[in-house]
């Protein structure tokens, strides 16, 4: 009986990991990288301006 308990622990961990992974992937689709990429583009443009004057 004790062996069954030890076998259930990894099984339950795998189920919980699968549920968490599907939840994390679901919420990731709701977010957009647009604002971050726009900020990065502005940063690159500013850095190119500062280096072109040198």
PDB file of N, CA and C in Angstrom:
ATOM      1  N   UNK A   1       0.818  -1.199   0.000  1.00  0.00           N
ATOM      2  CA  UNK A   1       0.000   0.000   0.000  1.00  0.00           C
ATOM      3  C   UNK A   1       0.863   1.265   0.000  1.00  0.00           C
ATOM      4  N   UNK A   2       1.954   1.215   0.740  1.00  0.00           N
ATOM      5  CA  UNK A   2       2.861   2.360   0.788  1.00  0.00           C
ATOM      6  C   UNK A   2       3.477   2.655  -0.575  1.00  0.00           C
ATOM      7  N   UNK A   3       3.724   1.590  -1.347  1.00  0.00           N
ATOM      8  CA  UNK A   3       4.297   1.790  -2.679  1.00  0.00           C
ATOM      9  C   UNK A   3       3.314   2.531  -3.591  1.00  0.00           C
ATOM     10  N   UNK A   4       2.028   2.264  -3.432  1.00  0.00           N
ATOM     11  CA  UNK A   4       1.034   2.974  -4.250  1.00  0.00           C
ATOM     12  C   UNK A   4       1.014   4.460  -3.931  1.00  0.00           C
ATOM     13  N   UNK A   5       1.175   4.798  -2.674  1.00  0.00           N
ATOM     14  CA  UNK A   5       1.209   6.215  -2.288  1.00  0.00           C
ATOM     15  C   UNK A   5       2.405   6.902  -2.938  1.00  0.00           C
ATOM     16  N   UNK A   6       3.569   6.247  -2.926  1.00  0.00           N
ATOM     17  CA  UNK A   6       4.750   6.828  -3.537  1.00  0.00           C
ATOM     18  C   UNK A   6       4.616   6.933  -5.055  1.00  0.00           C
ATOM     19  N   UNK A   7       3.845   6.065  -5.665  1.00  0.00           N
ATOM     20  CA  UNK A   7       3.618   6.170  -7.106  1.00  0.00           C
ATOM     21  C   UNK A   7       2.595   7.247  -7.443  1.00  0.00           C
ATOM     22  N   UNK A   8       1.686   7.520  -6.521  1.00  0.00           N
ATOM     23  CA  UNK A   8       0.684   8.552  -6.775  1.00  0.00           C
ATOM     24  C   UNK A   8       1.264   9.965  -6.684  1.00  0.00           C
ATOM     25  N   UNK A   9       2.312  10.150  -5.903  1.00  0.00           N
ATOM     26  CA  UNK A   9       2.906  11.487  -5.749  1.00  0.00           C
ATOM     27  C   UNK A   9       3.404  12.031  -7.096  1.00  0.00           C
ATOM     28  N   UNK A  10       4.217  11.299  -7.859  1.00  0.00           N
ATOM     29  CA  UNK A  10       4.639  11.829  -9.158  1.00  0.00           C
ATOM     30  C   UNK A  10       3.472  11.983 -10.146  1.00  0.00           C
ATOM     31  N   UNK A  11       2.493  11.090 -10.040  1.00  0.00           N
ATOM     32  CA  UNK A  11       1.336  11.190 -10.918  1.00  0.00           C
ATOM     33  C   UNK A  11       0.560  12.473 -10.639  1.00  0.00           C
ATOM     34  N   UNK A  12       0.322  12.757  -9.385  1.00  0.00           N
ATOM     35  CA  UNK A  12      -0.374  13.995  -9.031  1.00  0.00           C
ATOM     36  C   UNK A  12       0.461  15.222  -9.401  1.00  0.00           C
ATOM     37  N   UNK A  13       1.768  15.134  -9.233  1.00  0.00           N
ATOM     38  CA  UNK A  13       2.639  16.244  -9.615  1.00  0.00           C
ATOM     39  C   UNK A  13       2.565  16.496 -11.123  1.00  0.00           C
ATOM     40  N   UNK A  14       2.501  15.439 -11.913  1.00  0.00           N
ATOM     41  CA  UNK A  14       2.403  15.589 -13.364  1.00  0.00           C
ATOM     42  C   UNK A  14       1.066  16.213 -13.758  1.00  0.00           C
ATOM     43  N   UNK A  15      -0.003  15.819 -13.093  1.00  0.00           N
ATOM     44  CA  UNK A  15      -1.316  16.392 -13.389  1.00  0.00           C
ATOM     45  C   UNK A  15      -1.333  17.880 -13.032  1.00  0.00           C
ATOM     46  N   UNK A  16      -0.793  18.216 -11.870  1.00  0.00           N
ATOM     47  CA  UNK A  16      -0.755  19.625 -11.452  1.00  0.00           C
ATOM     48  C   UNK A  16       0.123  20.431 -12.409  1.00  0.00           C
ATOM     49  N   UNK A  17       1.261  19.878 -12.827  1.00  0.00           N
ATOM     50  CA  UNK A  17       2.135  20.578 -13.768  1.00  0.00           C
ATOM     51  C   UNK A  17       1.438  20.785 -15.115  1.00  0.00           C
ATOM     52  N   UNK A  18       0.686  19.811 -15.566  1.00  0.00           N
ATOM     53  CA  UNK A  18      -0.055  19.959 -16.821  1.00  0.00           C
ATOM     54  C   UNK A  18      -1.129  21.026 -16.728  1.00  0.00           C
ATOM     55  N   UNK A  19      -1.833  21.051 -15.618  1.00  0.00           N
ATOM     56  CA  UNK A  19      -2.860  22.080 -15.434  1.00  0.00           C
ATOM     57  C   UNK A  19      -2.233  23.466 -15.353  1.00  0.00           C
ATOM     58  N   UNK A  20      -1.135  23.587 -14.618  1.00  0.00           N
ATOM     59  CA  UNK A  20      -0.478  24.886 -14.506  1.00  0.00           C
ATOM     60  C   UNK A  20       0.070  25.328 -15.866  1.00  0.00           C
ATOM     61  N   UNK A  21       0.644  24.396 -16.625  1.00  0.00           N
ATOM     62  CA  UNK A  21       1.176  24.736 -17.940  1.00  0.00           C
ATOM     63  C   UNK A  21       0.099  25.204 -18.897  1.00  0.00           C
ATOM     64  N   UNK A  22      -1.046  24.541 -18.883  1.00  0.00           N
ATOM     65  CA  UNK A  22      -2.125  24.975 -19.771  1.00  0.00           C
ATOM     66  C   UNK A  22      -2.676  26.328 -19.330  1.00  0.00           C
ATOM     67  N   UNK A  23      -2.742  26.581 -18.027  1.00  0.00           N
ATOM     68  CA  UNK A  23      -3.206  27.884 -17.540  1.00  0.00           C
ATOM     69  C   UNK A  23      -2.211  28.981 -17.894  1.00  0.00           C
ATOM     70  N   UNK A  24      -0.914  28.708 -17.726  1.00  0.00           N
ATOM     71  CA  UNK A  24       0.103  29.704 -18.035  1.00  0.00           C
ATOM     72  C   UNK A  24       0.114  30.022 -19.525  1.00  0.00           C
ATOM     73  N   UNK A  25      -0.078  29.039 -20.361  1.00  0.00           N
ATOM     74  CA  UNK A  25      -0.107  29.265 -21.805  1.00  0.00           C
ATOM     75  C   UNK A  25      -1.357  30.041 -22.208  1.00  0.00           C
ATOM     76  N   UNK A  26      -2.468  29.807 -21.526  1.00  0.00           N
ATOM     77  CA  UNK A  26      -3.707  30.512 -21.829  1.00  0.00           C
ATOM     78  C   UNK A  26      -3.566  31.996 -21.523  1.00  0.00           C
ATOM     79  N   UNK A  27      -2.975  32.337 -20.389  1.00  0.00           N
ATOM     80  CA  UNK A  27      -2.846  33.750 -20.024  1.00  0.00           C
ATOM     81  C   UNK A  27      -1.781  34.441 -20.853  1.00  0.00           C
ATOM     82  N   UNK A  28      -0.810  33.692 -21.376  1.00  0.00           N
ATOM     83  CA  UNK A  28       0.226  34.308 -22.188  1.00  0.00           C
ATOM     84  C   UNK A  28      -0.339  34.810 -23.507  1.00  0.00           C
ATOM     85  N   UNK A  29      -1.340  34.142 -24.057  1.00  0.00           N
ATOM     86  CA  UNK A  29      -1.934  34.567 -25.319  1.00  0.00           C
ATOM     87  C   UNK A  29      -2.688  35.884 -25.167  1.00  0.00           C
ATOM     88  N   UNK A  30      -3.153  36.179 -23.963  1.00  0.00           N
ATOM     89  CA  UNK A  30      -3.922  37.400 -23.740  1.00  0.00           C
ATOM     90  C   UNK A  30      -3.023  38.627 -23.753  1.00  0.00           C
ATOM     91  N   UNK A  31      -1.747  38.446 -23.454  1.00  0.00           N
ATOM     92  CA  UNK A  31      -0.826  39.577 -23.416  1.00  0.00           C
ATOM     93  C   UNK A  31      -0.239  39.803 -24.794  1.00  0.00           C
ATOM     94  N   UNK A  32       0.080  41.053 -25.065  1.00  0.00           N
ATOM     95  CA  UNK A  32       0.679  41.403 -26.343  1.00  0.00           C
ATOM     96  C   UNK A  32       2.063  41.986 -26.097  1.00  0.00           C
ATOM     97  N   UNK A  33       2.976  41.749 -27.006  1.00  0.00           N
ATOM     98  CA  UNK A  33       4.315  42.306 -26.893  1.00  0.00           C
ATOM     99  C   UNK A  33       4.426  43.647 -27.601  1.00  0.00           C
ATOM    100  N   UNK A  34       3.323  44.169 -28.113  1.00  0.00           N
ATOM    101  CA  UNK A  34       3.359  45.411 -28.869  1.00  0.00           C
ATOM    102  C   UNK A  34       3.998  46.569 -28.135  1.00  0.00           C
ATOM    103  N   UNK A  35       3.543  46.929 -26.944  1.00  0.00           N
ATOM    104  CA  UNK A  35       4.145  48.070 -26.248  1.00  0.00           C
ATOM    105  C   UNK A  35       5.626  47.869 -25.936  1.00  0.00           C
ATOM    106  N   UNK A  36       6.026  46.658 -25.573  1.00  0.00           N
ATOM    107  CA  UNK A  36       7.427  46.410 -25.278  1.00  0.00           C
ATOM    108  C   UNK A  36       8.287  46.548 -26.533  1.00  0.00           C
ATOM    109  N   UNK A  37       7.778  46.042 -27.661  1.00  0.00           N
ATOM    110  CA  UNK A  37       8.534  46.148 -28.902  1.00  0.00           C
ATOM    111  C   UNK A  37       8.603  47.589 -29.382  1.00  0.00           C
ATOM    112  N   UNK A  38       7.543  48.368 -29.176  1.00  0.00           N
ATOM    113  CA  UNK A  38       7.571  49.780 -29.533  1.00  0.00           C
ATOM    114  C   UNK A  38       8.606  50.527 -28.702  1.00  0.00           C
ATOM    115  N   UNK A  39       8.655  50.222 -27.408  1.00  0.00           N
ATOM    116  CA  UNK A  39       9.644  50.853 -26.546  1.00  0.00           C
ATOM    117  C   UNK A  39      11.059  50.486 -26.952  1.00  0.00           C
ATOM    118  N   UNK A  40      11.265  49.242 -27.342  1.00  0.00           N
ATOM    119  CA  UNK A  40      12.587  48.814 -27.788  1.00  0.00           C
ATOM    120  C   UNK A  40      12.974  49.521 -29.081  1.00  0.00           C
ATOM    121  N   UNK A  41      12.028  49.709 -29.975  1.00  0.00           N
ATOM    122  CA  UNK A  41      12.313  50.412 -31.231  1.00  0.00           C
ATOM    123  C   UNK A  41      12.698  51.863 -30.943  1.00  0.00           C
ATOM    124  N   UNK A  42      12.010  52.498 -30.001  1.00  0.00           N
ATOM    125  CA  UNK A  42      12.371  53.875 -29.631  1.00  0.00           C
ATOM    126  C   UNK A  42      13.765  53.914 -28.996  1.00  0.00           C
ATOM    127  N   UNK A  43      14.079  52.934 -28.172  1.00  0.00           N
ATOM    128  CA  UNK A  43      15.397  52.862 -27.547  1.00  0.00           C
ATOM    129  C   UNK A  43      16.488  52.712 -28.602  1.00  0.00           C
ATOM    130  N   UNK A  44      16.271  51.830 -29.562  1.00  0.00           N
ATOM    131  CA  UNK A  44      17.275  51.635 -30.615  1.00  0.00           C
ATOM    132  C   UNK A  44      17.460  52.898 -31.445  1.00  0.00           C
ATOM    133  N   UNK A  45      16.347  53.567 -31.752  1.00  0.00           N
ATOM    134  CA  UNK A  45      16.451  54.807 -32.528  1.00  0.00           C
ATOM    135  C   UNK A  45      17.237  55.862 -31.749  1.00  0.00           C
ATOM    136  N   UNK A  46      16.988  55.960 -30.453  1.00  0.00           N
ATOM    137  CA  UNK A  46      17.717  56.932 -29.640  1.00  0.00           C
ATOM    138  C   UNK A  46      19.198  56.578 -29.570  1.00  0.00           C
ATOM    139  N   UNK A  47      19.522  55.316 -29.462  1.00  0.00           N
ATOM    140  CA  UNK A  47      20.921  54.918 -29.405  1.00  0.00           C
ATOM    141  C   UNK A  47      21.619  55.162 -30.734  1.00  0.00           C
ATOM    142  N   UNK A  48      20.930  54.946 -31.844  1.00  0.00           N
ATOM    143  CA  UNK A  48      21.537  55.207 -33.138  1.00  0.00           C
ATOM    144  C   UNK A  48      21.788  56.689 -33.331  1.00  0.00           C
ATOM    145  N   UNK A  49      20.886  57.541 -32.837  1.00  0.00           N
ATOM    146  CA  UNK A  49      21.093  58.996 -32.939  1.00  0.00           C
ATOM    147  C   UNK A  49      22.298  59.425 -32.131  1.00  0.00           C
ATOM    148  N   UNK A  50      22.453  58.862 -30.943  1.00  0.00           N
ATOM    149  CA  UNK A  50      23.582  59.277 -30.091  1.00  0.00           C
ATOM    150  C   UNK A  50      24.911  58.799 -30.671  1.00  0.00           C
ATOM    151  N   UNK A  51      24.933  57.667 -31.350  1.00  0.00           N
ATOM    152  CA  UNK A  51      26.168  57.165 -31.920  1.00  0.00           C
ATOM    153  C   UNK A  51      26.470  57.804 -33.279  1.00  0.00           C
ATOM    154  N   UNK A  52      25.469  58.270 -33.993  1.00  0.00           N
ATOM    155  CA  UNK A  52      25.729  58.872 -35.304  1.00  0.00           C
ATOM    156  C   UNK A  52      26.359  60.246 -35.180  1.00  0.00           C
ATOM    157  N   UNK A  53      26.181  60.920 -34.040  1.00  0.00           N
ATOM    158  CA  UNK A  53      26.774  62.234 -33.844  1.00  0.00           C
ATOM    159  C   UNK A  53      28.228  62.175 -33.430  1.00  0.00           C
ATOM    160  N   UNK A  54      28.751  60.995 -33.147  1.00  0.00           N
ATOM    161  CA  UNK A  54      30.108  60.867 -32.657  1.00  0.00           C
ATOM    162  C   UNK A  54      31.107  60.772 -33.774  1.00  0.00           C
TER     163      UNK A  54
END
